[in-house]
Amino acid sequence: MRTCLLAVVGSLLGASIASAQSPTFYKDVLPILQANCQSCHRPGEVAPMSLLTYEQARPWARAIKAAVTSRQMPPWFADPGVGHFANERRLVDREIATLNAWADAGAPAGNEADAPAPITFPSGWNIKPDVIVEMPKAFELPARGTINYKYILVKTNFPEDMWITAAEMPPGDPAVLHHGKVWVRPPGSKWMENAVPGEAYETESHRHVLGRNAIEEGNDI
């Protein structure tokens, strides 16, 4: 009987040590999410779920493991053979191993006192803009149905050539925008030369019917 009791106690101690060594959300996982995921995984952004808090992230632990192991997340499509990028969002092997171990351990929360300070994001932006260029007027969408690609000329009115280090195009309503593109016309371009700024129109070569709504903008420099 004494042998059995010692065996049980030993098993419990082993489980406690293993649990203590498992990564926890507040100490190990949250810093990774802050650095690589929360810019998109937060309310009002493009990602389908928020990962700001433990309560929000916990149900997605297994999905997070699958996404980072396959390197689908964070999305990064630049060829690493080209060179190093200052804003690279690839996870290193150590970070992937931490997220995997956290999911495998049952996604423990840990001690909230270990959490880093929350990130304060610029309101409505992932970058801090120096210049904001807006569409002259809102593009109204029908309540139902599909629309073709739309092109909208937006005048920037820069008095001289500008160097741009980062750009972002936040939609007015992300719930109805499938995707958007910004095209910069080179000097002397004839493309969209007859377009009225702010008025959406279609081109014959891009009359593609979409399953959801899409708007493309042409920025004039």
C-alpha atoms as a PDB file:
ATOM      1  CA  MET A   1       0.000   0.000   0.000  1.00  0.00           C
ATOM      2  CA  ARG A   2       2.857   2.365   0.800  1.00  0.00           C
ATOM      3  CA  THR A   3       4.403   1.667  -2.588  1.00  0.00           C
ATOM      4  CA  CYS A   4       1.166   2.594  -4.348  1.00  0.00           C
ATOM      5  CA  LEU A   5       0.882   5.862  -2.447  1.00  0.00           C
ATOM      6  CA  LEU A   6       4.450   6.828  -3.321  1.00  0.00           C
ATOM      7  CA  ALA A   7       3.775   6.067  -6.964  1.00  0.00           C
ATOM      8  CA  VAL A   8       0.708   8.308  -6.999  1.00  0.00           C
ATOM      9  CA  VAL A   9       2.517  11.154  -5.259  1.00  0.00           C
ATOM     10  CA  GLY A  10       5.396  10.849  -7.709  1.00  0.00           C
ATOM     11  CA  SER A  11       3.001  11.043 -10.659  1.00  0.00           C
ATOM     12  CA  LEU A  12       1.344  14.149  -9.270  1.00  0.00           C
ATOM     13  CA  LEU A  13       4.701  15.834  -8.725  1.00  0.00           C
ATOM     14  CA  GLY A  14       5.721  14.990 -12.275  1.00  0.00           C
ATOM     15  CA  ALA A  15       2.516  16.507 -13.643  1.00  0.00           C
ATOM     16  CA  SER A  16       3.046  19.664 -11.592  1.00  0.00           C
ATOM     17  CA  ILE A  17       6.599  20.096 -12.888  1.00  0.00           C
ATOM     18  CA  ALA A  18       5.500  19.554 -16.494  1.00  0.00           C
ATOM     19  CA  SER A  19       2.691  22.079 -16.059  1.00  0.00           C
ATOM     20  CA  ALA A  20       5.049  24.639 -14.562  1.00  0.00           C
ATOM     21  CA  GLN A  21       7.390  24.283 -17.524  1.00  0.00           C
ATOM     22  CA  SER A  22       4.660  24.731 -20.137  1.00  0.00           C
ATOM     23  CA  PRO A  23       4.430  28.129 -21.840  1.00  0.00           C
ATOM     24  CA  THR A  24       1.647  30.328 -20.566  1.00  0.00           C
ATOM     25  CA  PHE A  25      -0.379  32.941 -22.388  1.00  0.00           C
ATOM     26  CA  TYR A  26       0.564  35.993 -20.348  1.00  0.00           C
ATOM     27  CA  LYS A  27       4.287  35.275 -20.063  1.00  0.00           C
ATOM     28  CA  ASP A  28       5.179  33.534 -23.330  1.00  0.00           C
ATOM     29  CA  VAL A  29       2.381  33.717 -25.910  1.00  0.00           C
ATOM     30  CA  LEU A  30       1.087  37.265 -25.554  1.00  0.00           C
ATOM     31  CA  PRO A  31       4.442  38.896 -26.469  1.00  0.00           C
ATOM     32  CA  ILE A  32       4.490  36.863 -29.695  1.00  0.00           C
ATOM     33  CA  LEU A  33       0.924  37.847 -30.539  1.00  0.00           C
ATOM     34  CA  GLN A  34       1.642  41.511 -29.822  1.00  0.00           C
ATOM     35  CA  ALA A  35       4.711  41.574 -32.061  1.00  0.00           C
ATOM     36  CA  ASN A  36       3.315  39.580 -34.963  1.00  0.00           C
ATOM     37  CA  CYS A  37      -0.466  39.189 -34.901  1.00  0.00           C
ATOM     38  CA  GLN A  38      -2.420  41.907 -33.138  1.00  0.00           C
ATOM     39  CA  SER A  39      -1.957  44.556 -35.813  1.00  0.00           C
ATOM     40  CA  CYS A  40      -4.519  42.572 -37.841  1.00  0.00           C
ATOM     41  CA  HIS A  41      -6.172  40.430 -35.155  1.00  0.00           C
ATOM     42  CA  ARG A  42      -8.061  43.170 -33.335  1.00  0.00           C
ATOM     43  CA  PRO A  43     -11.483  44.797 -33.639  1.00  0.00           C
ATOM     44  CA  GLY A  44     -12.001  46.721 -36.860  1.00  0.00           C
ATOM     45  CA  GLU A  45      -9.137  45.072 -38.722  1.00  0.00           C
ATOM     46  CA  VAL A  46      -9.059  42.527 -41.527  1.00  0.00           C
ATOM     47  CA  ALA A  47      -8.506  39.364 -39.471  1.00  0.00           C
ATOM     48  CA  PRO A  48     -11.602  37.316 -38.583  1.00  0.00           C
ATOM     49  CA  MET A  49     -10.923  37.112 -34.844  1.00  0.00           C
ATOM     50  CA  SER A  50      -9.342  39.281 -32.159  1.00  0.00           C
ATOM     51  CA  LEU A  51      -6.279  38.015 -30.263  1.00  0.00           C
ATOM     52  CA  LEU A  52      -5.858  40.857 -27.784  1.00  0.00           C
ATOM     53  CA  THR A  53      -6.839  38.950 -24.645  1.00  0.00           C
ATOM     54  CA  TYR A  54      -6.569  35.457 -23.242  1.00  0.00           C
ATOM     55  CA  GLU A  55     -10.328  34.994 -23.428  1.00  0.00           C
ATOM     56  CA  GLN A  56     -10.233  35.840 -27.136  1.00  0.00           C
ATOM     57  CA  ALA A  57      -7.168  33.739 -27.987  1.00  0.00           C
ATOM     58  CA  ARG A  58      -7.872  30.625 -25.914  1.00  0.00           C
ATOM     59  CA  PRO A  59     -10.563  29.130 -28.238  1.00  0.00           C
ATOM     60  CA  TRP A  60      -8.185  29.471 -31.198  1.00  0.00           C
ATOM     61  CA  ALA A  61      -5.148  27.754 -29.651  1.00  0.00           C
ATOM     62  CA  ARG A  62      -5.260  24.708 -31.943  1.00  0.00           C
ATOM     63  CA  ALA A  63      -5.940  26.861 -34.998  1.00  0.00           C
ATOM     64  CA  ILE A  64      -2.997  29.098 -34.080  1.00  0.00           C
ATOM     65  CA  LYS A  65      -0.741  26.049 -33.823  1.00  0.00           C
ATOM     66  CA  ALA A  66      -1.810  24.789 -37.252  1.00  0.00           C
ATOM     67  CA  ALA A  67      -1.454  28.205 -38.894  1.00  0.00           C
ATOM     68  CA  VAL A  68       2.028  28.965 -37.573  1.00  0.00           C
ATOM     69  CA  THR A  69       3.345  25.437 -38.112  1.00  0.00           C
ATOM     70  CA  SER A  70       2.347  25.600 -41.786  1.00  0.00           C
ATOM     71  CA  ARG A  71       3.685  29.191 -41.874  1.00  0.00           C
ATOM     72  CA  GLN A  72       0.390  30.461 -43.235  1.00  0.00           C
ATOM     73  CA  MET A  73       0.481  32.962 -40.387  1.00  0.00           C
ATOM     74  CA  PRO A  74       1.706  35.573 -40.079  1.00  0.00           C
ATOM     75  CA  PRO A  75       1.158  36.141 -43.822  1.00  0.00           C
ATOM     76  CA  TRP A  76       4.453  37.069 -45.426  1.00  0.00           C
ATOM     77  CA  PHE A  77       5.009  36.580 -49.141  1.00  0.00           C
ATOM     78  CA  ALA A  78       8.380  38.200 -49.748  1.00  0.00           C
ATOM     79  CA  ASP A  79      11.083  35.833 -50.993  1.00  0.00           C
ATOM     80  CA  PRO A  80      13.667  35.398 -48.210  1.00  0.00           C
ATOM     81  CA  GLY A  81      16.300  34.784 -50.889  1.00  0.00           C
ATOM     82  CA  VAL A  82      16.036  38.397 -52.024  1.00  0.00           C
ATOM     83  CA  GLY A  83      17.336  39.850 -48.779  1.00  0.00           C
ATOM     84  CA  HIS A  84      16.383  40.984 -45.314  1.00  0.00           C
ATOM     85  CA  PHE A  85      13.310  43.133 -44.781  1.00  0.00           C
ATOM     86  CA  ALA A  86      13.099  45.535 -41.846  1.00  0.00           C
ATOM     87  CA  ASN A  87       9.407  44.780 -41.269  1.00  0.00           C
ATOM     88  CA  GLU A  88       9.624  41.017 -41.779  1.00  0.00           C
ATOM     89  CA  ARG A  89       6.845  39.153 -39.995  1.00  0.00           C
ATOM     90  CA  ARG A  90       8.172  35.592 -40.137  1.00  0.00           C
ATOM     91  CA  LEU A  91       8.143  33.717 -36.849  1.00  0.00           C
ATOM     92  CA  VAL A  92      11.420  32.121 -35.802  1.00  0.00           C
ATOM     93  CA  ASP A  93      11.453  28.429 -34.894  1.00  0.00           C
ATOM     94  CA  ARG A  94      11.587  29.222 -31.169  1.00  0.00           C
ATOM     95  CA  GLU A  95       8.366  31.254 -31.382  1.00  0.00           C
ATOM     96  CA  ILE A  96       6.570  28.535 -33.337  1.00  0.00           C
ATOM     97  CA  ALA A  97       7.694  25.941 -30.778  1.00  0.00           C
ATOM     98  CA  THR A  98       6.359  28.132 -27.950  1.00  0.00           C
ATOM     99  CA  LEU A  99       2.930  28.489 -29.551  1.00  0.00           C
ATOM    100  CA  ASN A 100       2.779  24.762 -30.284  1.00  0.00           C
ATOM    101  CA  ALA A 101       3.745  23.819 -26.737  1.00  0.00           C
ATOM    102  CA  TRP A 102       1.148  26.222 -25.347  1.00  0.00           C
ATOM    103  CA  ALA A 103      -1.618  24.673 -27.435  1.00  0.00           C
ATOM    104  CA  ASP A 104      -0.501  21.131 -26.586  1.00  0.00           C
ATOM    105  CA  ALA A 105      -0.538  21.959 -22.856  1.00  0.00           C
ATOM    106  CA  GLY A 106      -4.173  23.027 -23.017  1.00  0.00           C
ATOM    107  CA  ALA A 107      -3.502  26.751 -23.560  1.00  0.00           C
ATOM    108  CA  PRO A 108      -2.871  27.729 -19.915  1.00  0.00           C
ATOM    109  CA  ALA A 109      -3.371  31.359 -18.958  1.00  0.00           C
ATOM    110  CA  GLY A 110      -0.589  31.648 -16.395  1.00  0.00           C
ATOM    111  CA  ASN A 111      -0.105  34.642 -14.137  1.00  0.00           C
ATOM    112  CA  GLU A 112      -1.648  37.836 -15.478  1.00  0.00           C
ATOM    113  CA  ALA A 113       1.078  39.800 -13.681  1.00  0.00           C
ATOM    114  CA  ASP A 114       3.557  38.384 -16.219  1.00  0.00           C
ATOM    115  CA  ALA A 115       1.754  40.065 -19.130  1.00  0.00           C
ATOM    116  CA  PRO A 116       3.484  42.857 -21.044  1.00  0.00           C
ATOM    117  CA  ALA A 117       1.738  46.201 -21.249  1.00  0.00           C
ATOM    118  CA  PRO A 118      -1.032  46.306 -23.890  1.00  0.00           C
ATOM    119  CA  ILE A 119      -0.088  47.829 -27.229  1.00  0.00           C
ATOM    120  CA  THR A 120      -1.713  51.145 -28.049  1.00  0.00           C
ATOM    121  CA  PHE A 121      -2.529  51.211 -31.744  1.00  0.00           C
ATOM    122  CA  PRO A 122      -3.111  54.475 -33.640  1.00  0.00           C
ATOM    123  CA  SER A 123      -6.856  54.877 -33.967  1.00  0.00           C
ATOM    124  CA  GLY A 124      -7.929  53.292 -37.230  1.00  0.00           C
ATOM    125  CA  TRP A 125      -4.368  52.852 -38.519  1.00  0.00           C
ATOM    126  CA  ASN A 126      -1.543  50.335 -38.362  1.00  0.00           C
ATOM    127  CA  ILE A 127       0.953  53.083 -39.191  1.00  0.00           C
ATOM    128  CA  LYS A 128       1.143  56.678 -38.028  1.00  0.00           C
ATOM    129  CA  PRO A 129       0.336  58.607 -41.210  1.00  0.00           C
ATOM    130  CA  ASP A 130       2.086  61.833 -42.144  1.00  0.00           C
ATOM    131  CA  VAL A 131      -0.310  62.472 -45.045  1.00  0.00           C
ATOM    132  CA  ILE A 132      -3.876  61.214 -45.431  1.00  0.00           C
ATOM    133  CA  VAL A 133      -5.371  61.084 -48.929  1.00  0.00           C
ATOM    134  CA  GLU A 134      -9.125  60.476 -48.938  1.00  0.00           C
ATOM    135  CA  MET A 135     -11.644  59.671 -51.634  1.00  0.00           C
ATOM    136  CA  PRO A 136     -13.616  62.786 -52.597  1.00  0.00           C
ATOM    137  CA  LYS A 137     -16.852  61.081 -51.576  1.00  0.00           C
ATOM    138  CA  ALA A 138     -18.085  57.753 -50.273  1.00  0.00           C
ATOM    139  CA  PHE A 139     -18.874  54.950 -52.692  1.00  0.00           C
ATOM    140  CA  GLU A 140     -22.375  53.699 -51.988  1.00  0.00           C
ATOM    141  CA  LEU A 141     -22.938  49.938 -52.183  1.00  0.00           C
ATOM    142  CA  PRO A 142     -26.232  48.197 -52.910  1.00  0.00           C
ATOM    143  CA  ALA A 143     -27.703  46.227 -50.024  1.00  0.00           C
ATOM    144  CA  ARG A 144     -27.711  43.035 -52.094  1.00  0.00           C
ATOM    145  CA  GLY A 145     -26.093  41.531 -55.143  1.00  0.00           C
ATOM    146  CA  THR A 146     -22.623  41.819 -56.679  1.00  0.00           C
ATOM    147  CA  ILE A 147     -20.767  44.602 -58.442  1.00  0.00           C
ATOM    148  CA  ASN A 148     -17.928  44.694 -60.931  1.00  0.00           C
ATOM    149  CA  TYR A 149     -14.483  46.116 -60.276  1.00  0.00           C
ATOM    150  CA  LYS A 150     -14.722  49.859 -59.840  1.00  0.00           C
ATOM    151  CA  TYR A 151     -11.952  52.375 -60.512  1.00  0.00           C
ATOM    152  CA  ILE A 152     -11.843  55.687 -58.702  1.00  0.00           C
ATOM    153  CA  LEU A 153      -9.382  58.475 -59.409  1.00  0.00           C
ATOM    154  CA  VAL A 154      -8.077  60.123 -56.246  1.00  0.00           C
ATOM    155  CA  LYS A 155      -6.017  63.310 -56.545  1.00  0.00           C
ATOM    156  CA  THR A 156      -3.095  63.589 -54.129  1.00  0.00           C
ATOM    157  CA  ASN A 157      -2.092  67.136 -55.100  1.00  0.00           C
ATOM    158  CA  PHE A 158       1.529  66.707 -54.029  1.00  0.00           C
ATOM    159  CA  PRO A 159       3.430  69.798 -55.219  1.00  0.00           C
ATOM    160  CA  GLU A 160       6.583  67.726 -55.824  1.00  0.00           C
ATOM    161  CA  ASP A 161       7.805  64.142 -55.938  1.00  0.00           C
ATOM    162  CA  MET A 162       7.588  62.368 -52.577  1.00  0.00           C
ATOM    163  CA  TRP A 163       9.483  59.446 -51.059  1.00  0.00           C
ATOM    164  CA  ILE A 164       7.120  56.957 -49.407  1.00  0.00           C
ATOM    165  CA  THR A 165       8.311  54.457 -46.819  1.00  0.00           C
ATOM    166  CA  ALA A 166       4.939  52.952 -45.902  1.00  0.00           C
ATOM    167  CA  ALA A 167       1.339  53.174 -47.057  1.00  0.00           C
ATOM    168  CA  GLU A 168      -1.965  51.823 -45.811  1.00  0.00           C
ATOM    169  CA  MET A 169      -5.475  51.821 -47.264  1.00  0.00           C
ATOM    170  CA  PRO A 170      -8.082  51.395 -44.499  1.00  0.00           C
ATOM    171  CA  PRO A 171     -11.617  50.916 -45.845  1.00  0.00           C
ATOM    172  CA  GLY A 172     -14.462  53.027 -44.598  1.00  0.00           C
ATOM    173  CA  ASP A 173     -16.404  49.833 -43.842  1.00  0.00           C
ATOM    174  CA  PRO A 174     -14.276  46.655 -43.759  1.00  0.00           C
ATOM    175  CA  ALA A 175     -17.418  44.512 -43.572  1.00  0.00           C
ATOM    176  CA  VAL A 176     -18.259  45.191 -47.229  1.00  0.00           C
ATOM    177  CA  LEU A 177     -14.827  45.586 -48.854  1.00  0.00           C
ATOM    178  CA  HIS A 178     -13.412  42.340 -50.229  1.00  0.00           C
ATOM    179  CA  HIS A 179     -10.098  43.857 -51.304  1.00  0.00           C
ATOM    180  CA  GLY A 180      -8.677  47.027 -52.758  1.00  0.00           C
ATOM    181  CA  LYS A 181      -5.647  48.164 -54.690  1.00  0.00           C
ATOM    182  CA  VAL A 182      -3.884  51.487 -55.069  1.00  0.00           C
ATOM    183  CA  TRP A 183      -2.302  52.189 -58.448  1.00  0.00           C
ATOM    184  CA  VAL A 184       0.115  55.092 -58.830  1.00  0.00           C
ATOM    185  CA  ARG A 185       0.112  56.613 -62.305  1.00  0.00           C
ATOM    186  CA  PRO A 186       3.516  57.590 -63.673  1.00  0.00           C
ATOM    187  CA  PRO A 187       3.943  61.047 -65.179  1.00  0.00           C
ATOM    188  CA  GLY A 188       2.394  61.281 -68.621  1.00  0.00           C
ATOM    189  CA  SER A 189       0.153  58.242 -68.133  1.00  0.00           C
ATOM    190  CA  LYS A 190      -3.002  58.204 -70.244  1.00  0.00           C
ATOM    191  CA  TRP A 191      -4.728  55.659 -68.028  1.00  0.00           C
ATOM    192  CA  MET A 192      -7.888  57.093 -66.465  1.00  0.00           C
ATOM    193  CA  GLU A 193      -7.132  60.435 -68.141  1.00  0.00           C
ATOM    194  CA  ASN A 194     -10.822  61.083 -68.705  1.00  0.00           C
ATOM    195  CA  ALA A 195     -11.888  59.915 -65.236  1.00  0.00           C
ATOM    196  CA  VAL A 196     -13.699  62.339 -62.963  1.00  0.00           C
ATOM    197  CA  PRO A 197     -12.065  62.335 -59.508  1.00  0.00           C
ATOM    198  CA  GLY A 198     -14.267  60.520 -57.040  1.00  0.00           C
ATOM    199  CA  GLU A 199     -16.602  59.018 -59.649  1.00  0.00           C
ATOM    200  CA  ALA A 200     -16.449  55.209 -59.878  1.00  0.00           C
ATOM    201  CA  TYR A 201     -16.318  53.649 -63.307  1.00  0.00           C
ATOM    202  CA  GLU A 202     -15.491  50.353 -65.024  1.00  0.00           C
ATOM    203  CA  THR A 203     -13.089  49.459 -67.813  1.00  0.00           C
ATOM    204  CA  GLU A 204     -13.980  47.030 -70.565  1.00  0.00           C
ATOM    205  CA  SER A 205     -10.974  44.825 -69.777  1.00  0.00           C
ATOM    206  CA  HIS A 206     -11.944  44.462 -66.117  1.00  0.00           C
ATOM    207  CA  ARG A 207     -15.659  43.716 -66.191  1.00  0.00           C
ATOM    208  CA  HIS A 208     -15.322  40.805 -63.813  1.00  0.00           C
ATOM    209  CA  VAL A 209     -18.355  39.949 -61.743  1.00  0.00           C
ATOM    210  CA  LEU A 210     -17.241  39.330 -58.174  1.00  0.00           C
ATOM    211  CA  GLY A 211     -18.744  37.200 -55.485  1.00  0.00           C
ATOM    212  CA  ARG A 212     -18.302  40.146 -53.131  1.00  0.00           C
ATOM    213  CA  ASN A 213     -17.693  43.863 -53.474  1.00  0.00           C
ATOM    214  CA  ALA A 214     -14.371  45.331 -54.582  1.00  0.00           C
ATOM    215  CA  ILE A 215     -13.150  48.823 -55.294  1.00  0.00           C
ATOM    216  CA  GLU A 216      -9.886  49.809 -56.878  1.00  0.00           C
ATOM    217  CA  GLU A 217      -8.385  53.254 -56.582  1.00  0.00           C
ATOM    218  CA  GLY A 218      -6.044  55.070 -58.912  1.00  0.00           C
ATOM    219  CA  ASN A 219      -3.892  57.622 -57.138  1.00  0.00           C
ATOM    220  CA  ASP A 220      -2.701  60.503 -59.230  1.00  0.00           C
ATOM    221  CA  ILE A 221       0.749  61.884 -58.533  1.00  0.00           C
END
